[in-house]
C-alpha atoms as a PDB file:
ATOM      1  CA  UNK A   1      45.644  24.404 280.200  1.00  0.00           C
ATOM      2  CA  UNK A   2      42.219  25.996 280.278  1.00  0.00           C
ATOM      3  CA  UNK A   3      39.894  25.446 277.344  1.00  0.00           C
ATOM      4  CA  UNK A   4      39.701  29.236 276.973  1.00  0.00           C
ATOM      5  CA  UNK A   5      42.958  29.120 275.039  1.00  0.00           C
ATOM      6  CA  UNK A   6      45.616  31.799 275.060  1.00  0.00           C
ATOM      7  CA  UNK A   7      45.727  35.582 274.693  1.00  0.00           C
ATOM      8  CA  UNK A   8      48.214  37.799 272.881  1.00  0.00           C
ATOM      9  CA  UNK A   9      48.438  41.498 273.687  1.00  0.00           C
ATOM     10  CA  UNK A  10      50.471  43.898 271.554  1.00  0.00           C
ATOM     11  CA  UNK A  11      51.246  47.559 272.153  1.00  0.00           C
ATOM     12  CA  UNK A  12      52.534  49.061 268.917  1.00  0.00           C
ATOM     13  CA  UNK A  13      53.813  52.594 269.400  1.00  0.00           C
ATOM     14  CA  UNK A  14      55.923  55.127 267.603  1.00  0.00           C
ATOM     15  CA  UNK A  15      59.077  54.155 269.489  1.00  0.00           C
ATOM     16  CA  UNK A  16      58.669  50.396 269.832  1.00  0.00           C
ATOM     17  CA  UNK A  17      56.388  47.377 269.922  1.00  0.00           C
ATOM     18  CA  UNK A  18      55.791  45.017 272.880  1.00  0.00           C
ATOM     19  CA  UNK A  19      54.017  41.656 272.783  1.00  0.00           C
ATOM     20  CA  UNK A  20      52.921  39.352 275.610  1.00  0.00           C
ATOM     21  CA  UNK A  21      51.199  35.963 275.554  1.00  0.00           C
ATOM     22  CA  UNK A  22      49.217  34.821 278.597  1.00  0.00           C
ATOM     23  CA  UNK A  23      47.028  31.867 279.433  1.00  0.00           C
ATOM     24  CA  UNK A  24      43.442  32.238 280.691  1.00  0.00           C
ATOM     25  CA  UNK A  25      44.676  32.592 284.283  1.00  0.00           C
ATOM     26  CA  UNK A  26      46.987  35.489 283.378  1.00  0.00           C
ATOM     27  CA  UNK A  27      50.260  33.572 283.568  1.00  0.00           C
ATOM     28  CA  UNK A  28      52.828  35.117 281.214  1.00  0.00           C
ATOM     29  CA  UNK A  29      54.040  32.471 278.745  1.00  0.00           C
ATOM     30  CA  UNK A  30      56.122  34.555 276.357  1.00  0.00           C
ATOM     31  CA  UNK A  31      57.186  38.118 275.571  1.00  0.00           C
ATOM     32  CA  UNK A  32      58.715  39.890 272.606  1.00  0.00           C
ATOM     33  CA  UNK A  33      60.003  43.294 271.536  1.00  0.00           C
ATOM     34  CA  UNK A  34      60.593  45.025 268.214  1.00  0.00           C
ATOM     35  CA  UNK A  35      61.008  48.477 266.715  1.00  0.00           C
ATOM     36  CA  UNK A  36      58.443  51.192 265.945  1.00  0.00           C
ATOM     37  CA  UNK A  37      54.975  50.027 264.909  1.00  0.00           C
ATOM     38  CA  UNK A  38      52.878  52.891 263.627  1.00  0.00           C
ATOM     39  CA  UNK A  39      50.838  53.203 260.449  1.00  0.00           C
ATOM     40  CA  UNK A  40      52.769  56.405 259.746  1.00  0.00           C
ATOM     41  CA  UNK A  41      55.580  54.096 258.568  1.00  0.00           C
ATOM     42  CA  UNK A  42      53.148  52.271 256.261  1.00  0.00           C
ATOM     43  CA  UNK A  43      50.956  49.232 256.888  1.00  0.00           C
ATOM     44  CA  UNK A  44      53.582  46.734 255.718  1.00  0.00           C
ATOM     45  CA  UNK A  45      56.267  48.186 257.997  1.00  0.00           C
ATOM     46  CA  UNK A  46      53.871  48.352 260.959  1.00  0.00           C
ATOM     47  CA  UNK A  47      52.793  44.731 260.484  1.00  0.00           C
ATOM     48  CA  UNK A  48      56.417  43.593 260.075  1.00  0.00           C
ATOM     49  CA  UNK A  49      57.217  45.104 263.473  1.00  0.00           C
ATOM     50  CA  UNK A  50      54.103  43.543 265.039  1.00  0.00           C
ATOM     51  CA  UNK A  51      54.984  40.149 263.539  1.00  0.00           C
ATOM     52  CA  UNK A  52      58.567  40.383 264.809  1.00  0.00           C
ATOM     53  CA  UNK A  53      57.316  41.103 268.353  1.00  0.00           C
ATOM     54  CA  UNK A  54      54.726  38.321 268.437  1.00  0.00           C
ATOM     55  CA  UNK A  55      57.183  35.972 266.718  1.00  0.00           C
ATOM     56  CA  UNK A  56      59.653  36.489 269.559  1.00  0.00           C
ATOM     57  CA  UNK A  57      56.866  35.918 272.103  1.00  0.00           C
ATOM     58  CA  UNK A  58      55.809  32.711 270.315  1.00  0.00           C
ATOM     59  CA  UNK A  59      59.417  31.487 270.263  1.00  0.00           C
ATOM     60  CA  UNK A  60      59.530  31.935 274.034  1.00  0.00           C
ATOM     61  CA  UNK A  61      56.348  29.903 274.511  1.00  0.00           C
ATOM     62  CA  UNK A  62      57.547  27.051 272.320  1.00  0.00           C
ATOM     63  CA  UNK A  63      54.070  26.872 270.753  1.00  0.00           C
ATOM     64  CA  UNK A  64      53.485  24.963 267.540  1.00  0.00           C
ATOM     65  CA  UNK A  65      50.747  25.702 264.961  1.00  0.00           C
ATOM     66  CA  UNK A  66      48.033  23.958 267.026  1.00  0.00           C
ATOM     67  CA  UNK A  67      48.561  26.107 270.119  1.00  0.00           C
ATOM     68  CA  UNK A  68      49.077  29.252 268.035  1.00  0.00           C
ATOM     69  CA  UNK A  69      45.696  28.672 266.387  1.00  0.00           C
ATOM     70  CA  UNK A  70      44.113  28.880 269.875  1.00  0.00           C
ATOM     71  CA  UNK A  71      45.516  32.358 270.530  1.00  0.00           C
ATOM     72  CA  UNK A  72      43.167  35.339 270.477  1.00  0.00           C
ATOM     73  CA  UNK A  73      45.051  38.541 269.720  1.00  0.00           C
ATOM     74  CA  UNK A  74      44.413  42.157 270.668  1.00  0.00           C
ATOM     75  CA  UNK A  75      46.549  44.884 269.137  1.00  0.00           C
ATOM     76  CA  UNK A  76      46.801  48.539 270.124  1.00  0.00           C
ATOM     77  CA  UNK A  77      48.471  50.411 267.289  1.00  0.00           C
ATOM     78  CA  UNK A  78      49.603  54.000 266.827  1.00  0.00           C
ATOM     79  CA  UNK A  79      48.022  55.790 263.885  1.00  0.00           C
ATOM     80  CA  UNK A  80      45.157  53.350 263.400  1.00  0.00           C
ATOM     81  CA  UNK A  81      42.807  56.260 262.715  1.00  0.00           C
ATOM     82  CA  UNK A  82      44.553  56.989 259.414  1.00  0.00           C
ATOM     83  CA  UNK A  83      42.276  56.516 256.431  1.00  0.00           C
ATOM     84  CA  UNK A  84      42.127  52.905 255.287  1.00  0.00           C
ATOM     85  CA  UNK A  85      44.539  51.639 257.968  1.00  0.00           C
ATOM     86  CA  UNK A  86      42.080  49.439 259.862  1.00  0.00           C
ATOM     87  CA  UNK A  87      40.718  47.842 256.693  1.00  0.00           C
ATOM     88  CA  UNK A  88      44.230  47.099 255.442  1.00  0.00           C
ATOM     89  CA  UNK A  89      45.245  45.538 258.770  1.00  0.00           C
ATOM     90  CA  UNK A  90      42.138  43.356 258.921  1.00  0.00           C
ATOM     91  CA  UNK A  91      42.919  42.044 255.437  1.00  0.00           C
ATOM     92  CA  UNK A  92      46.305  40.633 256.520  1.00  0.00           C
ATOM     93  CA  UNK A  93      46.466  36.854 256.957  1.00  0.00           C
ATOM     94  CA  UNK A  94      47.362  35.778 260.499  1.00  0.00           C
ATOM     95  CA  UNK A  95      47.703  32.438 262.345  1.00  0.00           C
ATOM     96  CA  UNK A  96      45.415  33.244 265.304  1.00  0.00           C
ATOM     97  CA  UNK A  97      41.889  32.266 266.328  1.00  0.00           C
ATOM     98  CA  UNK A  98      40.885  35.934 266.221  1.00  0.00           C
ATOM     99  CA  UNK A  99      42.446  39.364 266.027  1.00  0.00           C
ATOM    100  CA  UNK A 100      41.156  42.802 266.937  1.00  0.00           C
ATOM    101  CA  UNK A 101      42.683  46.272 266.635  1.00  0.00           C
ATOM    102  CA  UNK A 102      42.318  49.536 268.541  1.00  0.00           C
ATOM    103  CA  UNK A 103      44.447  52.666 268.776  1.00  0.00           C
ATOM    104  CA  UNK A 104      47.422  52.505 271.127  1.00  0.00           C
ATOM    105  CA  UNK A 105      45.689  55.118 273.288  1.00  0.00           C
ATOM    106  CA  UNK A 106      42.540  53.024 273.694  1.00  0.00           C
ATOM    107  CA  UNK A 107      44.730  50.030 274.542  1.00  0.00           C
ATOM    108  CA  UNK A 108      46.466  52.066 277.236  1.00  0.00           C
ATOM    109  CA  UNK A 109      43.106  53.218 278.622  1.00  0.00           C
ATOM    110  CA  UNK A 110      41.763  49.651 278.784  1.00  0.00           C
ATOM    111  CA  UNK A 111      44.875  48.594 280.680  1.00  0.00           C
ATOM    112  CA  UNK A 112      44.880  51.595 283.018  1.00  0.00           C
ATOM    113  CA  UNK A 113      41.364  50.862 284.288  1.00  0.00           C
ATOM    114  CA  UNK A 114      41.139  47.072 283.835  1.00  0.00           C
ATOM    115  CA  UNK A 115      38.608  47.525 281.032  1.00  0.00           C
ATOM    116  CA  UNK A 116      36.256  49.643 283.135  1.00  0.00           C
ATOM    117  CA  UNK A 117      34.976  53.107 282.223  1.00  0.00           C
ATOM    118  CA  UNK A 118      37.629  55.764 282.678  1.00  0.00           C
ATOM    119  CA  UNK A 119      40.017  58.060 280.877  1.00  0.00           C
ATOM    120  CA  UNK A 120      43.699  58.737 280.451  1.00  0.00           C
ATOM    121  CA  UNK A 121      45.807  61.756 279.623  1.00  0.00           C
ATOM    122  CA  UNK A 122      48.951  60.856 277.725  1.00  0.00           C
ATOM    123  CA  UNK A 123      51.811  63.331 278.080  1.00  0.00           C
ATOM    124  CA  UNK A 124      54.680  62.137 275.925  1.00  0.00           C
ATOM    125  CA  UNK A 125      56.033  63.279 272.581  1.00  0.00           C
ATOM    126  CA  UNK A 126      52.427  64.309 271.927  1.00  0.00           C
ATOM    127  CA  UNK A 127      49.469  64.739 274.265  1.00  0.00           C
ATOM    128  CA  UNK A 128      45.845  63.616 274.249  1.00  0.00           C
ATOM    129  CA  UNK A 129      42.977  62.924 276.613  1.00  0.00           C
ATOM    130  CA  UNK A 130      40.757  59.937 275.819  1.00  0.00           C
ATOM    131  CA  UNK A 131      38.478  57.425 277.448  1.00  0.00           C
ATOM    132  CA  UNK A 132      35.058  55.812 277.463  1.00  0.00           C
ATOM    133  CA  UNK A 133      31.974  56.303 279.632  1.00  0.00           C
ATOM    134  CA  UNK A 134      28.692  54.410 279.252  1.00  0.00           C
ATOM    135  CA  UNK A 135      29.539  53.376 275.709  1.00  0.00           C
ATOM    136  CA  UNK A 136      30.596  56.895 274.692  1.00  0.00           C
ATOM    137  CA  UNK A 137      34.115  57.624 273.473  1.00  0.00           C
ATOM    138  CA  UNK A 138      35.785  60.685 274.967  1.00  0.00           C
ATOM    139  CA  UNK A 139      38.523  62.626 273.216  1.00  0.00           C
ATOM    140  CA  UNK A 140      40.193  65.920 274.074  1.00  0.00           C
ATOM    141  CA  UNK A 141      43.059  67.290 271.976  1.00  0.00           C
ATOM    142  CA  UNK A 142      45.670  65.077 270.368  1.00  0.00           C
ATOM    143  CA  UNK A 143      45.228  66.426 266.855  1.00  0.00           C
ATOM    144  CA  UNK A 144      48.941  66.459 266.137  1.00  0.00           C
ATOM    145  CA  UNK A 145      51.915  68.763 266.560  1.00  0.00           C
ATOM    146  CA  UNK A 146      52.223  71.712 266.052  1.00  0.00           C
ATOM    147  CA  UNK A 147      48.495  72.547 265.817  1.00  0.00           C
ATOM    148  CA  UNK A 148      47.630  70.596 268.978  1.00  0.00           C
ATOM    149  CA  UNK A 149      49.355  68.326 271.541  1.00  0.00           C
ATOM    150  CA  UNK A 150      49.555  71.135 274.115  1.00  0.00           C
ATOM    151  CA  UNK A 151      51.686  70.321 277.148  1.00  0.00           C
ATOM    152  CA  UNK A 152      53.584  67.585 275.296  1.00  0.00           C
ATOM    153  CA  UNK A 153      57.308  67.031 274.970  1.00  0.00           C
ATOM    154  CA  UNK A 154      57.209  68.417 271.435  1.00  0.00           C
ATOM    155  CA  UNK A 155      55.376  71.498 272.720  1.00  0.00           C
ATOM    156  CA  UNK A 156      58.020  72.024 275.438  1.00  0.00           C
ATOM    157  CA  UNK A 157      60.755  71.830 272.811  1.00  0.00           C
ATOM    158  CA  UNK A 158      58.990  74.233 270.462  1.00  0.00           C
ATOM    159  CA  UNK A 159      58.475  76.815 273.215  1.00  0.00           C
ATOM    160  CA  UNK A 160      62.135  76.518 274.236  1.00  0.00           C
ATOM    161  CA  UNK A 161      63.351  77.182 270.685  1.00  0.00           C
ATOM    162  CA  UNK A 162      60.943  80.122 270.321  1.00  0.00           C
ATOM    163  CA  UNK A 163      62.144  81.728 273.561  1.00  0.00           C
ATOM    164  CA  UNK A 164      65.789  80.980 272.724  1.00  0.00           C
ATOM    165  CA  UNK A 165      65.471  82.914 269.478  1.00  0.00           C
ATOM    166  CA  UNK A 166      63.793  85.796 271.315  1.00  0.00           C
ATOM    167  CA  UNK A 167      66.608  85.718 273.863  1.00  0.00           C
ATOM    168  CA  UNK A 168      69.194  85.793 271.072  1.00  0.00           C
ATOM    169  CA  UNK A 169      67.526  88.909 269.653  1.00  0.00           C
ATOM    170  CA  UNK A 170      67.277  90.636 273.038  1.00  0.00           C
ATOM    171  CA  UNK A 171      63.484  90.282 273.134  1.00  0.00           C
ATOM    172  CA  UNK A 172      63.666  88.024 276.196  1.00  0.00           C
ATOM    173  CA  UNK A 173      66.021  87.502 279.125  1.00  0.00           C
ATOM    174  CA  UNK A 174      68.765  85.071 278.030  1.00  0.00           C
ATOM    175  CA  UNK A 175      68.573  82.432 280.738  1.00  0.00           C
ATOM    176  CA  UNK A 176      70.789  79.354 281.122  1.00  0.00           C
ATOM    177  CA  UNK A 177      68.176  77.199 279.372  1.00  0.00           C
ATOM    178  CA  UNK A 178      67.908  79.524 276.393  1.00  0.00           C
ATOM    179  CA  UNK A 179      71.686  79.770 276.118  1.00  0.00           C
ATOM    180  CA  UNK A 180      71.946  75.965 276.086  1.00  0.00           C
ATOM    181  CA  UNK A 181      69.281  75.714 273.376  1.00  0.00           C
ATOM    182  CA  UNK A 182      71.167  78.222 271.207  1.00  0.00           C
ATOM    183  CA  UNK A 183      74.378  76.236 271.760  1.00  0.00           C
ATOM    184  CA  UNK A 184      72.618  73.360 269.979  1.00  0.00           C
ATOM    185  CA  UNK A 185      72.473  75.655 266.944  1.00  0.00           C
ATOM    186  CA  UNK A 186      76.017  77.002 267.361  1.00  0.00           C
ATOM    187  CA  UNK A 187      74.534  80.345 268.421  1.00  0.00           C
ATOM    188  CA  UNK A 188      73.190  80.888 264.885  1.00  0.00           C
ATOM    189  CA  UNK A 189      69.460  81.528 264.335  1.00  0.00           C
ATOM    190  CA  UNK A 190      69.771  80.370 260.721  1.00  0.00           C
ATOM    191  CA  UNK A 191      71.002  76.992 262.013  1.00  0.00           C
ATOM    192  CA  UNK A 192      67.761  76.794 264.001  1.00  0.00           C
ATOM    193  CA  UNK A 193      65.813  77.637 260.844  1.00  0.00           C
ATOM    194  CA  UNK A 194      67.587  74.891 258.870  1.00  0.00           C
ATOM    195  CA  UNK A 195      66.885  72.414 261.703  1.00  0.00           C
ATOM    196  CA  UNK A 196      63.229  73.475 261.825  1.00  0.00           C
ATOM    197  CA  UNK A 197      62.782  72.737 258.118  1.00  0.00           C
ATOM    198  CA  UNK A 198      63.368  69.030 258.697  1.00  0.00           C
ATOM    199  CA  UNK A 199      62.524  68.612 262.411  1.00  0.00           C
ATOM    200  CA  UNK A 200      59.746  66.261 263.508  1.00  0.00           C
ATOM    201  CA  UNK A 201      57.716  66.261 266.711  1.00  0.00           C
ATOM    202  CA  UNK A 202      60.193  63.691 268.048  1.00  0.00           C
ATOM    203  CA  UNK A 203      63.091  66.081 267.389  1.00  0.00           C
ATOM    204  CA  UNK A 204      61.359  68.868 269.318  1.00  0.00           C
ATOM    205  CA  UNK A 205      60.481  66.469 272.135  1.00  0.00           C
ATOM    206  CA  UNK A 206      64.155  65.529 272.456  1.00  0.00           C
ATOM    207  CA  UNK A 207      64.649  68.992 273.988  1.00  0.00           C
ATOM    208  CA  UNK A 208      62.048  68.365 276.712  1.00  0.00           C
ATOM    209  CA  UNK A 209      64.414  66.739 279.273  1.00  0.00           C
ATOM    210  CA  UNK A 210      66.659  69.817 279.041  1.00  0.00           C
ATOM    211  CA  UNK A 211      63.678  72.104 279.612  1.00  0.00           C
ATOM    212  CA  UNK A 212      62.521  70.049 282.632  1.00  0.00           C
ATOM    213  CA  UNK A 213      66.050  69.997 284.107  1.00  0.00           C
ATOM    214  CA  UNK A 214      66.418  73.785 283.924  1.00  0.00           C
ATOM    215  CA  UNK A 215      62.876  74.345 285.204  1.00  0.00           C
ATOM    216  CA  UNK A 216      63.552  72.115 288.219  1.00  0.00           C
ATOM    217  CA  UNK A 217      66.716  74.154 288.860  1.00  0.00           C
ATOM    218  CA  UNK A 218      64.696  77.384 288.871  1.00  0.00           C
ATOM    219  CA  UNK A 219      65.486  78.753 285.410  1.00  0.00           C
ATOM    220  CA  UNK A 220      62.828  81.470 284.783  1.00  0.00           C
ATOM    221  CA  UNK A 221      62.269  80.565 281.123  1.00  0.00           C
ATOM    222  CA  UNK A 222      62.183  76.850 281.913  1.00  0.00           C
ATOM    223  CA  UNK A 223      59.686  77.433 284.739  1.00  0.00           C
ATOM    224  CA  UNK A 224      57.472  79.536 282.478  1.00  0.00           C
ATOM    225  CA  UNK A 225      57.433  76.850 279.763  1.00  0.00           C
ATOM    226  CA  UNK A 226      56.795  73.954 282.148  1.00  0.00           C
ATOM    227  CA  UNK A 227      54.122  75.812 284.149  1.00  0.00           C
ATOM    228  CA  UNK A 228      52.292  76.535 280.892  1.00  0.00           C
ATOM    229  CA  UNK A 229      52.549  72.873 279.860  1.00  0.00           C
ATOM    230  CA  UNK A 230      51.257  71.738 283.264  1.00  0.00           C
ATOM    231  CA  UNK A 231      48.275  74.076 282.925  1.00  0.00           C
ATOM    232  CA  UNK A 232      47.436  72.446 279.582  1.00  0.00           C
ATOM    233  CA  UNK A 233      47.596  68.957 281.135  1.00  0.00           C
ATOM    234  CA  UNK A 234      45.485  70.203 284.074  1.00  0.00           C
ATOM    235  CA  UNK A 235      42.862  71.312 281.569  1.00  0.00           C
ATOM    236  CA  UNK A 236      42.819  67.961 279.748  1.00  0.00           C
ATOM    237  CA  UNK A 237      42.271  66.148 283.061  1.00  0.00           C
ATOM    238  CA  UNK A 238      39.530  68.519 284.243  1.00  0.00           C
ATOM    239  CA  UNK A 239      37.658  68.386 280.932  1.00  0.00           C
ATOM    240  CA  UNK A 240      37.644  64.562 281.003  1.00  0.00           C
ATOM    241  CA  UNK A 241      36.098  64.648 284.481  1.00  0.00           C
ATOM    242  CA  UNK A 242      33.563  67.232 283.243  1.00  0.00           C
ATOM    243  CA  UNK A 243      32.657  64.869 280.393  1.00  0.00           C
ATOM    244  CA  UNK A 244      31.797  62.161 282.912  1.00  0.00           C
ATOM    245  CA  UNK A 245      34.993  60.134 283.325  1.00  0.00           C
ATOM    246  CA  UNK A 246      34.815  58.438 286.750  1.00  0.00           C
ATOM    247  CA  UNK A 247      38.598  58.114 286.956  1.00  0.00           C
ATOM    248  CA  UNK A 248      41.572  59.598 285.084  1.00  0.00           C
ATOM    249  CA  UNK A 249      45.167  58.343 284.872  1.00  0.00           C
ATOM    250  CA  UNK A 250      48.196  60.297 283.643  1.00  0.00           C
ATOM    251  CA  UNK A 251      50.492  58.292 281.359  1.00  0.00           C
ATOM    252  CA  UNK A 252      53.453  58.891 279.058  1.00  0.00           C
ATOM    253  CA  UNK A 253      57.103  59.778 279.328  1.00  0.00           C
ATOM    254  CA  UNK A 254      56.379  63.246 280.737  1.00  0.00           C
ATOM    255  CA  UNK A 255      53.821  62.018 283.299  1.00  0.00           C
ATOM    256  CA  UNK A 256      56.263  61.660 286.216  1.00  0.00           C
ATOM    257  CA  UNK A 257      58.339  64.804 285.521  1.00  0.00           C
ATOM    258  CA  UNK A 258      55.235  66.971 285.035  1.00  0.00           C
ATOM    259  CA  UNK A 259      53.124  65.652 287.902  1.00  0.00           C
ATOM    260  CA  UNK A 260      54.768  67.847 290.590  1.00  0.00           C
ATOM    261  CA  UNK A 261      53.902  70.891 288.458  1.00  0.00           C
ATOM    262  CA  UNK A 262      50.194  70.053 288.200  1.00  0.00           C
ATOM    263  CA  UNK A 263      47.548  71.825 290.282  1.00  0.00           C
ATOM    264  CA  UNK A 264      46.896  70.227 293.688  1.00  0.00           C
ATOM    265  CA  UNK A 265      43.245  69.485 292.835  1.00  0.00           C
ATOM    266  CA  UNK A 266      44.277  67.617 289.679  1.00  0.00           C
ATOM    267  CA  UNK A 267      47.047  65.664 291.405  1.00  0.00           C
ATOM    268  CA  UNK A 268      44.631  64.537 294.140  1.00  0.00           C
ATOM    269  CA  UNK A 269      42.151  63.200 291.590  1.00  0.00           C
ATOM    270  CA  UNK A 270      44.587  61.230 289.431  1.00  0.00           C
ATOM    271  CA  UNK A 271      44.500  57.435 289.747  1.00  0.00           C
ATOM    272  CA  UNK A 272      47.559  55.189 289.248  1.00  0.00           C
ATOM    273  CA  UNK A 273      47.228  52.749 286.313  1.00  0.00           C
ATOM    274  CA  UNK A 274      46.080  49.188 287.015  1.00  0.00           C
ATOM    275  CA  UNK A 275      48.084  47.810 284.106  1.00  0.00           C
ATOM    276  CA  UNK A 276      49.926  48.796 280.932  1.00  0.00           C
ATOM    277  CA  UNK A 277      48.858  49.046 277.305  1.00  0.00           C
ATOM    278  CA  UNK A 278      49.745  45.380 276.703  1.00  0.00           C
ATOM    279  CA  UNK A 279      47.339  44.461 279.525  1.00  0.00           C
ATOM    280  CA  UNK A 280      44.728  46.548 277.708  1.00  0.00           C
ATOM    281  CA  UNK A 281      45.353  44.689 274.449  1.00  0.00           C
ATOM    282  CA  UNK A 282      44.874  41.378 276.283  1.00  0.00           C
ATOM    283  CA  UNK A 283      41.562  42.657 277.685  1.00  0.00           C
ATOM    284  CA  UNK A 284      40.589  43.440 274.078  1.00  0.00           C
ATOM    285  CA  UNK A 285      41.567  39.906 273.022  1.00  0.00           C
ATOM    286  CA  UNK A 286      39.488  38.380 275.823  1.00  0.00           C
ATOM    287  CA  UNK A 287      36.446  40.394 274.791  1.00  0.00           C
ATOM    288  CA  UNK A 288      36.432  38.616 271.435  1.00  0.00           C
ATOM    289  CA  UNK A 289      35.814  35.401 273.358  1.00  0.00           C
ATOM    290  CA  UNK A 290      33.273  36.914 275.683  1.00  0.00           C
ATOM    291  CA  UNK A 291      35.661  36.049 278.527  1.00  0.00           C
ATOM    292  CA  UNK A 292      35.376  39.501 280.025  1.00  0.00           C
END
């Protein structure tokens, strides 16, 4: 094997954690999966998920302590911007030659553009635009649901519940989508209120596939909601270009369903991703060696 050692990339998100170990030539030696890894669950829980994922990847490689000590690790982690999170993570003992952390979004951006300048718009449970140009960090939106994350799955769900309640009252046409949303609450607005009191962004986003399905079938309320969401994503993309991003990629669970709804000028300018967020974490790991 090359004297450059080995590289571990980890993508720790709110729904799951993926780990991959490669050699200096990019050959995949081991992979691992685990559950959610986000600082929102606490540093200990996030690290336990990370350790489970890289432990599974190490098991697949068959590495002993000597080889493990030659691994340089890069970790993209959801919620790393939370106060004190980075310091707490850096204080954890690990078996690797080096370790570095970035947000999961930055990891995805590094992977999307092979470490070059560029930006991404993530349209998933939440939404955000971020990137880097000439050493400057770019950020647009992504301040959290419900005050931000326009055009996200959570936003689609929220708008659907709002319109469903208006439809129930007779303040809006009661379309098939809005009837199906109210069925979730047994036709009772107070059931929707009780659900709202404990619902998270993920719970709202769970309604997004229903909204997309009805919109694609021509439901007027569904079309209105999805067109509005697409306009918000259009804006994120355009603003990133205005801020100097040379290339922008659309990522996230809603990326494919929403893309046909985007403006033609935005769709033409979007670039497919080079690699995933784990690839980005490996690029981060290589930078610690000066290999990039």
